[in-house]
Protein backbone atom coordinates (compact mmCIF):
# COMPACT_ATOMS: atom_id res chain seq x y z
CA UNK A 1 0.07 -0.11 0.08
CA UNK A 2 1.15 3.53 -0.73
CA UNK A 3 0.04 6.98 0.38
CA UNK A 4 -3.16 8.11 -1.17
CA UNK A 5 -3.58 11.23 -3.39
CA UNK A 6 -5.25 12.89 -0.45
CA UNK A 7 -2.44 12.50 1.71
CA UNK A 8 -0.06 13.65 -1.00
CA UNK A 9 -2.33 16.87 -1.43
CA UNK A 10 -2.40 17.42 2.39
CA UNK A 11 1.51 16.98 2.41
CA UNK A 12 2.00 19.62 -0.26
CA UNK A 13 -0.13 22.26 1.46
CA UNK A 14 1.51 21.69 4.77
CA UNK A 15 5.11 21.55 3.50
CA UNK A 16 4.49 24.96 1.68
CA UNK A 17 3.10 26.43 4.96
CA UNK A 18 6.12 25.19 6.92
CA UNK A 19 8.62 26.39 4.60
CA UNK A 20 7.00 29.80 4.39
CA UNK A 21 7.29 30.14 8.29
CA UNK A 22 11.01 29.07 8.03
CA UNK A 23 10.77 25.26 8.77
CA UNK A 24 14.05 23.72 8.13
CA UNK A 25 14.93 20.21 7.20
CA UNK A 26 11.48 19.05 5.85
CA UNK A 27 11.40 15.14 5.56
CA UNK A 28 8.37 13.40 4.47
CA UNK A 29 7.73 9.72 5.01
CA UNK A 30 5.10 7.29 3.52
CA UNK A 31 4.05 5.40 6.66
CA UNK A 32 1.14 3.76 5.02
CA UNK A 33 2.46 0.24 4.99
CA UNK A 34 3.38 -0.19 8.65
CA UNK A 35 0.55 2.19 10.18
CA UNK A 36 -2.94 1.72 9.82
CA UNK A 37 -3.96 5.42 10.96
CA UNK A 38 -1.79 7.57 8.91
CA UNK A 39 -0.38 7.59 5.26
CA UNK A 40 2.42 10.29 5.62
CA UNK A 41 4.52 11.96 8.36
CA UNK A 42 6.01 15.33 7.66
CA UNK A 43 8.85 16.29 9.99
CA UNK A 44 9.97 19.90 10.29
CA UNK A 45 12.48 21.62 12.36
CA UNK A 46 11.96 25.07 13.92
CA UNK A 47 14.80 27.29 14.91
CA UNK A 48 13.35 28.39 18.18
CA UNK A 49 10.40 27.89 20.40
CA UNK A 50 8.32 30.85 18.69
CA UNK A 51 9.15 29.35 15.35
CA UNK A 52 7.74 25.98 16.18
CA UNK A 53 4.47 27.35 17.43
CA UNK A 54 4.35 29.46 14.29
CA UNK A 55 5.03 26.61 11.91
CA UNK A 56 2.48 24.43 13.68
CA UNK A 57 -0.11 27.48 13.39
CA UNK A 58 0.71 28.07 9.78
CA UNK A 59 0.16 24.47 8.97
CA UNK A 60 -3.18 24.28 10.72
CA UNK A 61 -4.34 27.29 9.16
CA UNK A 62 -3.39 26.33 5.64
CA UNK A 63 -5.04 22.94 5.88
CA UNK A 64 -8.16 24.45 7.54
CA UNK A 65 -8.59 27.06 4.45
CA UNK A 66 -8.43 23.83 2.40
CA UNK A 67 -11.26 22.31 4.51
CA UNK A 68 -9.15 19.91 6.52
CA UNK A 69 -9.32 20.56 10.06
CA UNK A 70 -6.77 19.09 12.69
CA UNK A 71 -8.20 16.07 14.49
CA UNK A 72 -5.65 15.94 17.31
CA UNK A 73 -2.93 18.66 18.27
CA UNK A 74 -0.56 18.01 20.99
CA UNK A 75 2.77 19.73 22.47
CA UNK A 76 2.34 23.18 20.95
CA UNK A 77 2.27 24.96 24.26
CA UNK A 78 5.81 24.48 25.28
CA UNK A 79 7.35 25.56 21.90
CA UNK A 80 9.60 22.52 21.84
CA UNK A 81 7.40 20.18 19.67
CA UNK A 82 3.97 19.86 18.12
CA UNK A 83 2.01 16.88 16.72
CA UNK A 84 -0.58 17.75 14.30
CA UNK A 85 -2.87 14.97 13.22
CA UNK A 86 -4.95 15.41 10.10
CA UNK A 87 -5.90 11.79 9.84
CA UNK A 88 -3.87 10.81 6.48
CA UNK A 89 -1.07 13.26 7.33
CA UNK A 90 0.61 13.69 10.72
CA UNK A 91 2.94 16.66 10.95
CA UNK A 92 5.71 16.54 13.68
CA UNK A 93 7.31 20.15 14.33
CA UNK A 94 10.33 19.85 16.51
CA UNK A 95 12.91 22.22 17.97
CA UNK A 96 16.38 21.10 16.89
CA UNK A 97 17.31 19.40 20.16
CA UNK A 98 13.95 17.50 20.40
CA UNK A 99 14.16 16.22 16.83
CA UNK A 100 17.74 14.79 17.47
CA UNK A 101 16.45 13.31 20.73
CA UNK A 102 13.22 11.55 19.18
CA UNK A 103 14.85 10.45 15.97
CA UNK A 104 11.85 9.57 14.00
CA UNK A 105 13.86 9.30 10.81
CA UNK A 106 15.76 6.41 12.53
CA UNK A 107 12.64 4.99 13.74
CA UNK A 108 10.86 4.95 10.29
CA UNK A 109 14.07 4.52 8.32
CA UNK A 110 12.45 1.51 6.44
CA UNK A 111 9.62 3.72 5.21
CA UNK A 112 10.11 5.36 1.76
CA UNK A 113 10.74 9.06 1.67
CA UNK A 114 8.61 11.37 -0.40
CA UNK A 115 10.42 14.26 -1.99
CA UNK A 116 9.38 17.60 -0.48
CA UNK A 117 11.58 20.02 -2.38
CA UNK A 118 9.51 19.56 -5.51
CA UNK A 119 6.32 20.48 -3.73
CA UNK A 120 8.01 23.75 -2.35
CA UNK A 121 9.52 24.44 -5.66
CA UNK A 122 6.24 24.11 -7.46
CA UNK A 123 4.78 26.69 -5.33
CA UNK A 124 7.78 29.13 -5.70
CA UNK A 125 7.49 28.90 -9.31
CA UNK A 126 4.02 30.09 -9.29
CA UNK A 127 4.26 32.71 -6.51
CA UNK A 128 7.94 33.82 -6.83
CA UNK A 129 8.45 33.51 -3.05
CA UNK A 130 9.85 31.07 -0.45
CA UNK A 131 13.27 29.59 0.09
CA UNK A 132 14.70 27.19 -2.41
CA UNK A 133 17.13 25.31 -0.16
CA UNK A 134 14.86 22.76 1.53
CA UNK A 135 15.11 18.96 1.61
């Protein structure tokens, strides 16, 4: 099984929102094979507590504008990490230290990566904004 088209659409929206707020080291993983409750994980690093919160808020708002409400949100208040559950897509926004500590890339290393840069570049080519140095 692979991630659904709906999950890929949500991923594109979330990745662009995270990138627009300065999210770094965006990594998307297709977790549809081992997990029954999600198709895609998006991992994002924020440079500071306020940045983690801003990224999480931007992702929620961008997906809400597309008609997708967050089903569950955890961890945002401390600004060190946030988990945003949109059903097919789960977004993890971490401060640098927490991302290293939890090591989700290591935990899910057997899951195929989904290229994120083309999703962001596609948006930049239509808007002329954003940062081009994302993974």
